[in-house]
Amino acid sequence: MLRRGIFTLFLLLTGCASGPQGVDCLGEVTTLYGQPLGQTHGLIFDLVSSFSVSKKDVTVQSGTLKSLDRFRYVPSAVTREGYYAQRLSDKQFRLINPYQDTQITWTCP
């Protein structure tokens, strides 16, 4: 009986400890007008109504993504850093930095 209780406790703790899993995604870096600037990688944590991107020691969180009509408008938010965050699809995410005329569009496997 004690073994069963310990096993159940272990399962509960393991289930509670598991959070969203990050996915390594390829990012295309371009100017706001689409001129290619290179590629990068980022670890995307998709939380459906928000996402975050981590690279090395930096993490940018989108905040809550909103759209008046998800079929007509891209769910978006403004990050604390002042970037424009967009969820383009269930596998594509974008951060736009208007101050440096750049955007990164990550495509996840």
C-alpha atoms as a PDB file:
ATOM      1  CA  MET A   1       0.000   0.000   0.000  1.00  0.00           C
ATOM      2  CA  LEU A   2       2.816   2.382   0.885  1.00  0.00           C
ATOM      3  CA  ARG A   3       4.590   1.614  -2.398  1.00  0.00           C
ATOM      4  CA  ARG A   4       1.425   2.394  -4.330  1.00  0.00           C
ATOM      5  CA  GLY A   5       1.052   5.742  -2.496  1.00  0.00           C
ATOM      6  CA  ILE A   6       4.671   6.699  -3.237  1.00  0.00           C
ATOM      7  CA  PHE A   7       4.244   5.731  -6.894  1.00  0.00           C
ATOM      8  CA  THR A   8       1.056   7.826  -7.152  1.00  0.00           C
ATOM      9  CA  LEU A   9       2.790  10.787  -5.517  1.00  0.00           C
ATOM     10  CA  PHE A  10       5.695  10.423  -7.953  1.00  0.00           C
ATOM     11  CA  LEU A  11       3.315  10.446 -10.928  1.00  0.00           C
ATOM     12  CA  LEU A  12       1.532  13.544  -9.641  1.00  0.00           C
ATOM     13  CA  LEU A  13       4.788  15.420  -9.070  1.00  0.00           C
ATOM     14  CA  THR A  14       6.139  14.435 -12.458  1.00  0.00           C
ATOM     15  CA  GLY A  15       2.937  15.566 -14.156  1.00  0.00           C
ATOM     16  CA  CYS A  16       2.958  18.906 -12.346  1.00  0.00           C
ATOM     17  CA  ALA A  17       6.626  19.501 -13.069  1.00  0.00           C
ATOM     18  CA  SER A  18       6.258  19.144 -16.800  1.00  0.00           C
ATOM     19  CA  GLY A  19       5.770  22.499 -18.450  1.00  0.00           C
ATOM     20  CA  PRO A  20       5.683  23.589 -22.057  1.00  0.00           C
ATOM     21  CA  GLN A  21       8.473  22.121 -24.103  1.00  0.00           C
ATOM     22  CA  GLY A  22      10.552  24.485 -26.202  1.00  0.00           C
ATOM     23  CA  VAL A  23      11.164  23.707 -29.854  1.00  0.00           C
ATOM     24  CA  ASP A  24      14.314  24.738 -31.720  1.00  0.00           C
ATOM     25  CA  CYS A  25      13.101  26.733 -34.721  1.00  0.00           C
ATOM     26  CA  LEU A  26      14.866  28.290 -37.693  1.00  0.00           C
ATOM     27  CA  GLY A  27      14.422  32.035 -38.028  1.00  0.00           C
ATOM     28  CA  GLU A  28      14.679  34.151 -41.173  1.00  0.00           C
ATOM     29  CA  VAL A  29      15.968  37.658 -40.429  1.00  0.00           C
ATOM     30  CA  THR A  30      14.836  40.359 -42.871  1.00  0.00           C
ATOM     31  CA  THR A  31      14.267  44.088 -43.024  1.00  0.00           C
ATOM     32  CA  LEU A  32      10.682  45.281 -42.665  1.00  0.00           C
ATOM     33  CA  TYR A  33      10.506  45.393 -46.468  1.00  0.00           C
ATOM     34  CA  GLY A  34      11.671  41.777 -46.790  1.00  0.00           C
ATOM     35  CA  GLN A  35      15.353  42.193 -47.701  1.00  0.00           C
ATOM     36  CA  PRO A  36      17.150  39.073 -46.376  1.00  0.00           C
ATOM     37  CA  LEU A  37      19.703  39.664 -43.613  1.00  0.00           C
ATOM     38  CA  GLY A  38      20.468  36.090 -42.547  1.00  0.00           C
ATOM     39  CA  GLN A  39      19.246  33.248 -40.394  1.00  0.00           C
ATOM     40  CA  THR A  40      19.114  32.479 -36.702  1.00  0.00           C
ATOM     41  CA  HIS A  41      17.749  29.851 -34.353  1.00  0.00           C
ATOM     42  CA  GLY A  42      15.527  30.298 -31.346  1.00  0.00           C
ATOM     43  CA  LEU A  43      13.861  28.114 -28.769  1.00  0.00           C
ATOM     44  CA  ILE A  44      10.109  28.756 -29.093  1.00  0.00           C
ATOM     45  CA  PHE A  45       7.774  28.040 -26.190  1.00  0.00           C
ATOM     46  CA  ASP A  46       4.253  27.985 -27.637  1.00  0.00           C
ATOM     47  CA  LEU A  47       1.538  28.637 -25.046  1.00  0.00           C
ATOM     48  CA  VAL A  48      -1.272  29.074 -27.645  1.00  0.00           C
ATOM     49  CA  SER A  49      -2.415  32.510 -26.412  1.00  0.00           C
ATOM     50  CA  SER A  50       1.210  33.672 -26.107  1.00  0.00           C
ATOM     51  CA  PHE A  51       4.726  32.524 -26.932  1.00  0.00           C
ATOM     52  CA  SER A  52       8.284  33.212 -25.912  1.00  0.00           C
ATOM     53  CA  VAL A  53      11.572  33.045 -27.782  1.00  0.00           C
ATOM     54  CA  SER A  54      14.838  32.212 -26.050  1.00  0.00           C
ATOM     55  CA  LYS A  55      18.328  32.471 -27.434  1.00  0.00           C
ATOM     56  CA  LYS A  56      21.400  32.184 -25.231  1.00  0.00           C
ATOM     57  CA  ASP A  57      20.667  34.296 -22.133  1.00  0.00           C
ATOM     58  CA  VAL A  58      17.855  36.376 -23.664  1.00  0.00           C
ATOM     59  CA  THR A  59      14.122  35.594 -23.560  1.00  0.00           C
ATOM     60  CA  VAL A  60      11.399  37.702 -25.146  1.00  0.00           C
ATOM     61  CA  GLN A  61       7.792  37.033 -24.142  1.00  0.00           C
ATOM     62  CA  SER A  62       5.012  38.027 -26.508  1.00  0.00           C
ATOM     63  CA  GLY A  63       2.384  38.751 -23.885  1.00  0.00           C
ATOM     64  CA  THR A  64      -1.224  37.808 -24.561  1.00  0.00           C
ATOM     65  CA  LEU A  65      -1.875  37.629 -28.304  1.00  0.00           C
ATOM     66  CA  LYS A  66      -5.152  39.196 -29.377  1.00  0.00           C
ATOM     67  CA  SER A  67      -7.187  39.358 -32.552  1.00  0.00           C
ATOM     68  CA  LEU A  68     -10.666  40.695 -33.200  1.00  0.00           C
ATOM     69  CA  ASP A  69     -11.230  37.897 -35.697  1.00  0.00           C
ATOM     70  CA  ARG A  70      -8.598  35.133 -35.907  1.00  0.00           C
ATOM     71  CA  PHE A  71      -9.766  34.234 -39.427  1.00  0.00           C
ATOM     72  CA  ARG A  72      -9.093  37.752 -40.736  1.00  0.00           C
ATOM     73  CA  TYR A  73      -6.426  39.244 -38.451  1.00  0.00           C
ATOM     74  CA  VAL A  74      -3.128  37.877 -37.145  1.00  0.00           C
ATOM     75  CA  PRO A  75      -3.101  37.452 -33.339  1.00  0.00           C
ATOM     76  CA  SER A  76      -0.556  39.970 -32.058  1.00  0.00           C
ATOM     77  CA  ALA A  77       0.811  41.824 -29.053  1.00  0.00           C
ATOM     78  CA  VAL A  78       3.479  44.352 -28.145  1.00  0.00           C
ATOM     79  CA  THR A  79       6.281  42.995 -25.946  1.00  0.00           C
ATOM     80  CA  ARG A  80       7.792  44.800 -22.964  1.00  0.00           C
ATOM     81  CA  GLU A  81      10.779  45.624 -25.159  1.00  0.00           C
ATOM     82  CA  GLY A  82       8.497  47.333 -27.677  1.00  0.00           C
ATOM     83  CA  TYR A  83       8.641  44.601 -30.328  1.00  0.00           C
ATOM     84  CA  TYR A  84       5.553  43.591 -32.272  1.00  0.00           C
ATOM     85  CA  ALA A  85       4.859  39.859 -31.741  1.00  0.00           C
ATOM     86  CA  GLN A  86       2.705  37.832 -34.137  1.00  0.00           C
ATOM     87  CA  ARG A  87       1.501  34.256 -34.245  1.00  0.00           C
ATOM     88  CA  LEU A  88       1.276  33.585 -37.984  1.00  0.00           C
ATOM     89  CA  SER A  89       0.222  29.934 -37.659  1.00  0.00           C
ATOM     90  CA  ASP A  90       0.665  27.013 -35.293  1.00  0.00           C
ATOM     91  CA  LYS A  91       4.229  26.672 -36.626  1.00  0.00           C
ATOM     92  CA  GLN A  92       5.236  30.267 -37.474  1.00  0.00           C
ATOM     93  CA  PHE A  93       6.014  33.132 -35.110  1.00  0.00           C
ATOM     94  CA  ARG A  94       7.346  36.625 -35.786  1.00  0.00           C
ATOM     95  CA  LEU A  95       8.982  39.405 -33.813  1.00  0.00           C
ATOM     96  CA  ILE A  96       9.256  42.822 -35.442  1.00  0.00           C
ATOM     97  CA  ASN A  97      11.733  45.398 -34.184  1.00  0.00           C
ATOM     98  CA  PRO A  98      10.666  48.711 -35.742  1.00  0.00           C
ATOM     99  CA  TYR A  99      13.577  50.565 -34.123  1.00  0.00           C
ATOM    100  CA  GLN A 100      16.160  48.560 -36.073  1.00  0.00           C
ATOM    101  CA  ASP A 101      14.079  47.922 -39.225  1.00  0.00           C
ATOM    102  CA  THR A 102      14.254  44.141 -38.700  1.00  0.00           C
ATOM    103  CA  GLN A 103      11.949  41.212 -38.263  1.00  0.00           C
ATOM    104  CA  ILE A 104      12.536  37.546 -37.523  1.00  0.00           C
ATOM    105  CA  THR A 105      10.086  34.895 -38.666  1.00  0.00           C
ATOM    106  CA  TRP A 106      10.606  31.530 -36.995  1.00  0.00           C
ATOM    107  CA  THR A 107       9.297  28.364 -38.621  1.00  0.00           C
ATOM    108  CA  CYS A 108       9.088  25.356 -36.331  1.00  0.00           C
ATOM    109  CA  PRO A 109       9.118  21.697 -37.381  1.00  0.00           C
END
